[in-house]
Every structure is written in structure tokens, then in C-alpha cells.
Amino acid sequence: APEAYRKHHRMLILFSSSWPLAAPTIRFLSRIRTAYAASEEEDDTYADVHSARANGLLLKRLQEAAGGSVICMWRQTGECRSDGPREPDRDKMCSEAIPKGASGFCDCNGDGLRDANESAYNCGALNTLSCTKECDSLPGQNVSTKALPRHSLRSILQLLHRSFGGPLHADDRRLWQRAADEFNTTSDTAVKYVKYGQRHKSFFSSGGLYEEAIDERLRSLLSEVTNATSRSEAKQRLLKSGVISE
């Protein structure tokens, strides 16, 4: 596993009154990037940009581990087109609500392709629905009547731990590796900080901001004003530098 995965990661697991028939809500308390986590929806007013949620693929693997089967899925696409490039990390279970403004299609038979009888939406064409109702209307589907498995906390924790070490299923291998490589690259400065501590001259968040993207003059200026005796003095130094303006 990438070095960025081999450290402590905080998660929040929330159980509803439907537990253990319903999987808990799982949130990663960082901007982690994995095949099984998706950043908060950009159009969600209450989204926390410093956290991520379990995506549909992880929920599918949890359901399968509990003895259930998952066929129906919402397949997210990009560029606001139902036939746009796939965004598999934003796929959802059919029982999950699809956020307004998303594009994609209801994959009722789970083959990963959009068939002629499966509903598809461009951005703005839907207003928070789930694919369950759409797929239940098709002959032979009956998504909502399938028996629900019983989850166990031990199994969920074991799968979450395994998900940082490798794909949970052979079909996830390419997606897992791509997400791991991306996260390892963008968290490079965080890894340096863990290794070198304060000896490493700069440390930025692991959200994709590279050190070379920071103006060297601004970095030096910020280091100088840290010894200011007050906020007003620091402000005056910053404004007089000519590097920034109010």
C-alpha cells in the first residue's frame, strides 16, 4: 500500500435505527482519496470539504460481505452528460438518493452499461431521486423487495482496514491503484512532514497543493511575520512588502 495509506486515518461510523439490516453511514474525517471514498458533493451547502464519504462501491462490498447481493447501481458520469466519461468513485447504491445536478444512469441489471430501457439523466434533469423506483418498474427487477442481509461491526471494520491495503474485489483493482497513486502524489508533503517534522521547511495540506505552486517571496514573507508582536504589526508588514495587497 502507498505510504500515505500507512498511517492513522480517522473515521466516523453512524448507526441508524435500521441497523443491522442497514449499513451504517461511514465518513472519512480527512480529504482522503481511495477507490471506496468520494469527496462531498460540490452542490451540497452543508458539505465538509475536509471529509469524504463511503461511496456506492464500498457500500456494495459491505453488502456482499454480509451475504447480500447487489446488482442495481447508479452510475455517475461527468461533463453533465448521461453518456459522459464515467466517474466510478461517485457511483451509488440504488437505494441512495441521487443529488440534484448529477448526471448518469440507473444500471438496473448491473452490467455497467446503459441499456435502452434504463433511465439516464443529464445535469439538471433530475431532482433527488433513487434508482430503486426506476428499476422496480422494469420487468423482473423488483429491487426493493430483495431480502436484506444483517451486517456486523467486526466485518465492517475488517473491510475498512483491508480497503487501505488493496482492492476488496478483483474487479476493483485498476480503480484502487489509480486512486492510491493519485492520493500518494498529492499527499507527498504530508508524508515528508511525518518523516522530517519541523526540519522540513514547508508543509501544506494534502489536498493537491504542491510546494512549487507557492510563490517563494510569499513563503519567506510569511515566515518573517510570525515573530510580529501583534496582528496589526503583522498586517502592516504584509501590506508594506508589496507582495500582497489588502
Protein backbone atom coordinates (compact mmCIF):
# COMPACT_ATOMS: atom_id res chain seq x y z
CA ALA A 1 0.00 0.00 0.00
CA PRO A 2 1.19 3.59 -0.58
CA GLU A 3 2.97 5.26 2.31
CA ALA A 4 0.15 7.81 2.58
CA TYR A 5 -2.27 4.99 3.45
CA ARG A 6 0.03 3.53 6.10
CA LYS A 7 -0.86 5.96 8.82
CA HIS A 8 -3.78 6.53 11.15
CA HIS A 9 -7.00 7.60 9.45
CA ARG A 10 -9.99 8.76 11.46
CA MET A 11 -13.47 7.62 10.53
CA LEU A 12 -16.93 8.34 11.86
CA ILE A 13 -19.45 5.48 11.79
CA LEU A 14 -23.09 6.35 12.46
CA PHE A 15 -25.73 3.69 13.07
CA SER A 16 -29.40 4.23 12.31
CA SER A 17 -32.42 2.53 13.89
CA SER A 18 -32.38 0.12 10.92
CA TRP A 19 -29.05 -1.41 11.97
CA PRO A 20 -28.01 -4.21 11.40
CA LEU A 21 -30.24 -4.57 8.33
CA ALA A 22 -28.95 -1.25 7.01
CA ALA A 23 -25.26 -0.46 6.75
CA PRO A 24 -24.08 2.49 8.87
CA THR A 25 -23.15 5.88 7.47
CA ILE A 26 -19.36 5.99 7.09
CA ARG A 27 -17.38 9.21 6.83
CA PHE A 28 -13.63 9.58 6.47
CA LEU A 29 -12.51 12.59 8.52
CA SER A 30 -9.93 13.76 6.00
CA ARG A 31 -9.63 14.55 2.32
CA ILE A 32 -8.52 11.02 1.62
CA ARG A 33 -8.68 9.64 -1.91
CA THR A 34 -9.44 5.94 -2.30
CA ALA A 35 -11.47 3.76 -4.62
CA TYR A 36 -14.03 3.49 -1.83
CA ALA A 37 -14.43 7.12 -0.79
CA ALA A 38 -15.93 10.13 -2.54
CA SER A 39 -15.48 13.79 -1.66
CA GLU A 40 -18.58 15.68 -0.61
CA GLU A 41 -20.90 16.84 -3.38
CA GLU A 42 -19.92 20.29 -4.60
CA ASP A 43 -23.54 21.46 -4.69
CA ASP A 44 -24.17 20.43 -1.10
CA THR A 45 -24.40 23.58 1.01
CA TYR A 46 -23.51 21.66 4.16
CA ALA A 47 -20.68 19.64 2.66
CA ASP A 48 -17.43 19.48 4.59
CA VAL A 49 -14.53 19.83 2.17
CA HIS A 50 -12.23 18.23 4.73
CA SER A 51 -14.06 14.91 4.78
CA ALA A 52 -15.14 12.16 2.43
CA ARG A 53 -17.95 9.63 2.49
CA ALA A 54 -18.20 5.95 1.69
CA ASN A 55 -19.16 5.66 -1.96
CA GLY A 56 -21.51 3.19 -3.58
CA LEU A 57 -18.74 0.72 -4.36
CA LEU A 58 -17.76 0.41 -0.70
CA LEU A 59 -21.41 0.01 0.34
CA LYS A 60 -21.78 -2.68 -2.31
CA ARG A 61 -18.76 -4.58 -0.95
CA LEU A 62 -20.12 -4.29 2.60
CA GLN A 63 -23.46 -5.66 1.44
CA GLU A 64 -21.78 -8.57 -0.31
CA ALA A 65 -19.63 -9.32 2.74
CA ALA A 66 -22.81 -9.54 4.82
CA GLY A 67 -24.19 -12.19 2.48
CA GLY A 68 -26.33 -9.97 0.28
CA SER A 69 -26.19 -9.39 -3.44
CA VAL A 70 -26.09 -6.03 -5.21
CA ILE A 71 -26.99 -5.65 -8.85
CA CYS A 72 -28.70 -2.31 -9.28
CA MET A 73 -26.40 0.73 -9.13
CA TRP A 74 -26.42 4.43 -10.03
CA ARG A 75 -23.55 5.03 -12.47
CA GLN A 76 -22.22 8.58 -12.27
CA THR A 77 -20.88 10.32 -15.37
CA GLY A 78 -19.01 13.57 -15.95
CA GLU A 79 -19.36 16.66 -18.14
CA CYS A 80 -23.05 16.90 -17.15
CA ARG A 81 -23.93 14.24 -19.76
CA SER A 82 -25.51 10.88 -19.13
CA ASP A 83 -23.11 9.47 -21.74
CA GLY A 84 -20.14 11.45 -20.41
CA PRO A 85 -16.93 9.93 -19.01
CA ARG A 86 -17.53 7.61 -16.09
CA GLU A 87 -16.88 8.73 -12.50
CA PRO A 88 -16.96 5.36 -10.71
CA ASP A 89 -15.91 6.77 -7.33
CA ARG A 90 -19.27 8.59 -7.27
CA ASP A 91 -21.42 5.56 -8.04
CA LYS A 92 -24.21 4.90 -5.56
CA MET A 93 -26.39 2.07 -4.41
CA CYS A 94 -29.85 2.19 -5.97
CA SER A 95 -31.37 2.86 -2.55
CA GLU A 96 -29.30 6.05 -2.11
CA ALA A 97 -30.60 9.45 -3.10
CA ILE A 98 -29.05 10.91 -6.24
CA PRO A 99 -28.08 14.56 -5.67
CA LYS A 100 -29.63 17.25 -7.79
CA GLY A 101 -27.29 18.28 -10.59
CA ALA A 102 -25.71 14.85 -11.06
CA SER A 103 -25.52 13.10 -14.41
CA GLY A 104 -25.51 9.38 -15.06
CA PHE A 105 -27.85 6.43 -15.40
CA CYS A 106 -29.63 3.71 -13.42
CA ASP A 107 -27.83 0.43 -14.10
CA CYS A 108 -30.68 -1.87 -13.16
CA ASN A 109 -29.08 -5.14 -14.27
CA GLY A 110 -25.60 -4.21 -13.00
CA ASP A 111 -23.74 -4.81 -16.23
CA GLY A 112 -22.08 -1.38 -16.14
CA LEU A 113 -23.72 -0.32 -19.40
CA ARG A 114 -26.77 1.76 -20.09
CA ASP A 115 -29.45 -0.33 -21.78
CA ALA A 116 -32.28 1.20 -23.79
CA ASN A 117 -34.83 0.63 -21.00
CA GLU A 118 -32.65 2.11 -18.23
CA SER A 119 -33.19 5.74 -17.20
CA ALA A 120 -30.41 8.25 -17.86
CA TYR A 121 -30.08 11.89 -16.82
CA ASN A 122 -28.06 14.93 -17.76
CA CYS A 123 -27.26 17.59 -15.13
CA GLY A 124 -30.40 19.40 -14.02
CA ALA A 125 -32.72 16.73 -15.39
CA LEU A 126 -33.45 15.13 -12.02
CA ASN A 127 -34.36 16.38 -8.58
CA THR A 128 -33.05 13.97 -5.92
CA LEU A 129 -34.34 10.51 -6.68
CA SER A 130 -33.10 6.98 -6.21
CA CYS A 131 -32.82 4.31 -8.86
CA THR A 132 -34.86 1.83 -6.83
CA LYS A 133 -38.20 3.16 -8.06
CA GLU A 134 -36.93 3.47 -11.63
CA CYS A 135 -35.66 -0.10 -11.72
CA ASP A 136 -38.62 -1.61 -9.87
CA SER A 137 -40.80 -0.53 -12.80
CA LEU A 138 -38.83 -2.80 -15.16
CA PRO A 139 -39.93 -6.43 -15.65
CA GLY A 140 -38.11 -8.92 -13.43
CA GLN A 141 -36.19 -6.38 -11.33
CA ASN A 142 -38.07 -5.81 -8.03
CA VAL A 143 -35.02 -4.19 -6.43
CA SER A 144 -36.83 -3.04 -3.29
CA THR A 145 -38.19 -6.50 -2.41
CA LYS A 146 -34.85 -8.29 -2.13
CA ALA A 147 -34.02 -9.67 1.32
CA LEU A 148 -31.65 -7.50 3.34
CA PRO A 149 -28.57 -9.11 4.96
CA ARG A 150 -27.53 -8.50 8.56
CA HIS A 151 -24.31 -6.53 8.93
CA SER A 152 -21.77 -6.99 11.72
CA LEU A 153 -19.47 -4.32 13.11
CA ARG A 154 -16.49 -6.68 13.09
CA SER A 155 -16.92 -7.40 9.39
CA ILE A 156 -17.29 -3.70 8.54
CA LEU A 157 -14.15 -2.74 10.46
CA GLN A 158 -12.18 -5.56 8.86
CA LEU A 159 -13.22 -4.47 5.35
CA LEU A 160 -12.42 -0.82 6.05
CA HIS A 161 -8.96 -1.86 7.25
CA ARG A 162 -8.41 -4.08 4.20
CA SER A 163 -9.51 -1.31 1.83
CA PHE A 164 -6.33 0.65 2.63
CA GLY A 165 -4.11 -2.30 1.80
CA GLY A 166 -5.58 -3.30 -1.53
CA PRO A 167 -8.78 -3.79 -3.52
CA LEU A 168 -11.65 -5.60 -1.83
CA HIS A 169 -12.54 -7.36 -5.08
CA ALA A 170 -10.63 -8.27 -8.23
CA ASP A 171 -12.91 -6.01 -10.27
CA ASP A 172 -11.76 -3.02 -8.18
CA ARG A 173 -8.03 -3.48 -8.84
CA ARG A 174 -7.46 -0.82 -11.50
CA LEU A 175 -9.66 1.77 -9.77
CA TRP A 176 -7.97 1.13 -6.41
CA GLN A 177 -4.45 1.52 -7.85
CA ARG A 178 -5.32 4.71 -9.72
CA ALA A 179 -6.86 6.31 -6.62
CA ALA A 180 -3.92 5.18 -4.46
CA ASP A 181 -1.38 6.66 -6.88
CA GLU A 182 -3.25 9.98 -7.02
CA PHE A 183 -3.52 10.24 -3.25
CA ASN A 184 0.11 9.28 -2.74
CA THR A 185 1.17 12.06 -5.10
CA THR A 186 -1.00 14.81 -3.63
CA SER A 187 -0.14 13.87 -0.04
CA ASP A 188 3.60 13.94 -0.72
CA THR A 189 4.24 16.97 1.50
CA ALA A 190 2.28 15.36 4.34
CA VAL A 191 4.46 12.28 4.11
CA LYS A 192 7.58 14.47 4.18
CA TYR A 193 6.31 16.21 7.30
CA VAL A 194 5.74 12.92 9.10
CA LYS A 195 9.27 11.87 8.20
CA TYR A 196 11.18 15.12 8.77
CA GLY A 197 8.95 17.07 11.14
CA GLN A 198 9.92 20.74 11.57
CA ARG A 199 13.17 20.16 9.72
CA HIS A 200 11.13 20.11 6.51
CA LYS A 201 10.91 23.81 5.56
CA SER A 202 7.32 23.82 4.35
CA PHE A 203 4.17 21.84 4.93
CA PHE A 204 0.90 22.21 3.09
CA SER A 205 -2.37 20.26 3.23
CA SER A 206 -2.69 17.05 1.26
CA GLY A 207 -5.45 18.39 -0.98
CA GLY A 208 -3.35 18.64 -4.11
CA LEU A 209 -1.36 21.84 -3.37
CA TYR A 210 2.28 21.34 -4.28
CA GLU A 211 5.12 23.37 -2.73
CA GLU A 212 6.31 24.63 -6.09
CA ALA A 213 2.92 26.26 -6.57
CA ILE A 214 3.66 28.70 -3.74
CA ASP A 215 5.49 31.95 -4.55
CA GLU A 216 8.88 31.84 -2.79
CA ARG A 217 8.64 35.53 -1.84
CA LEU A 218 5.29 34.94 -0.16
CA ARG A 219 6.63 31.93 1.70
CA SER A 220 9.60 33.94 3.02
CA LEU A 221 7.37 36.85 3.97
CA LEU A 222 5.01 34.63 5.96
CA SER A 223 7.99 33.19 7.82
CA GLU A 224 9.19 36.69 8.72
CA VAL A 225 5.88 37.97 10.10
CA THR A 226 5.47 35.07 12.50
CA ASN A 227 7.57 36.99 15.06
CA ALA A 228 5.34 40.09 14.91
CA THR A 229 4.18 41.27 18.32
CA SER A 230 0.57 41.84 17.21
CA ARG A 231 -1.82 41.14 14.40
CA SER A 232 -1.79 44.77 13.33
CA GLU A 233 2.00 44.76 13.08
CA ALA A 234 1.91 41.57 11.02
CA LYS A 235 -0.70 43.13 8.74
CA GLN A 236 1.39 46.26 8.22
CA ARG A 237 4.46 44.21 7.33
CA LEU A 238 2.48 42.18 4.81
CA LEU A 239 0.99 45.25 3.13
CA LYS A 240 4.32 47.13 3.00
CA SER A 241 6.07 44.19 1.36
CA GLY A 242 4.42 44.81 -1.98
CA VAL A 243 3.88 41.07 -2.36
CA ILE A 244 0.22 41.21 -1.36
CA SER A 245 -2.46 43.88 -1.22
CA GLU A 246 -5.47 44.35 1.02
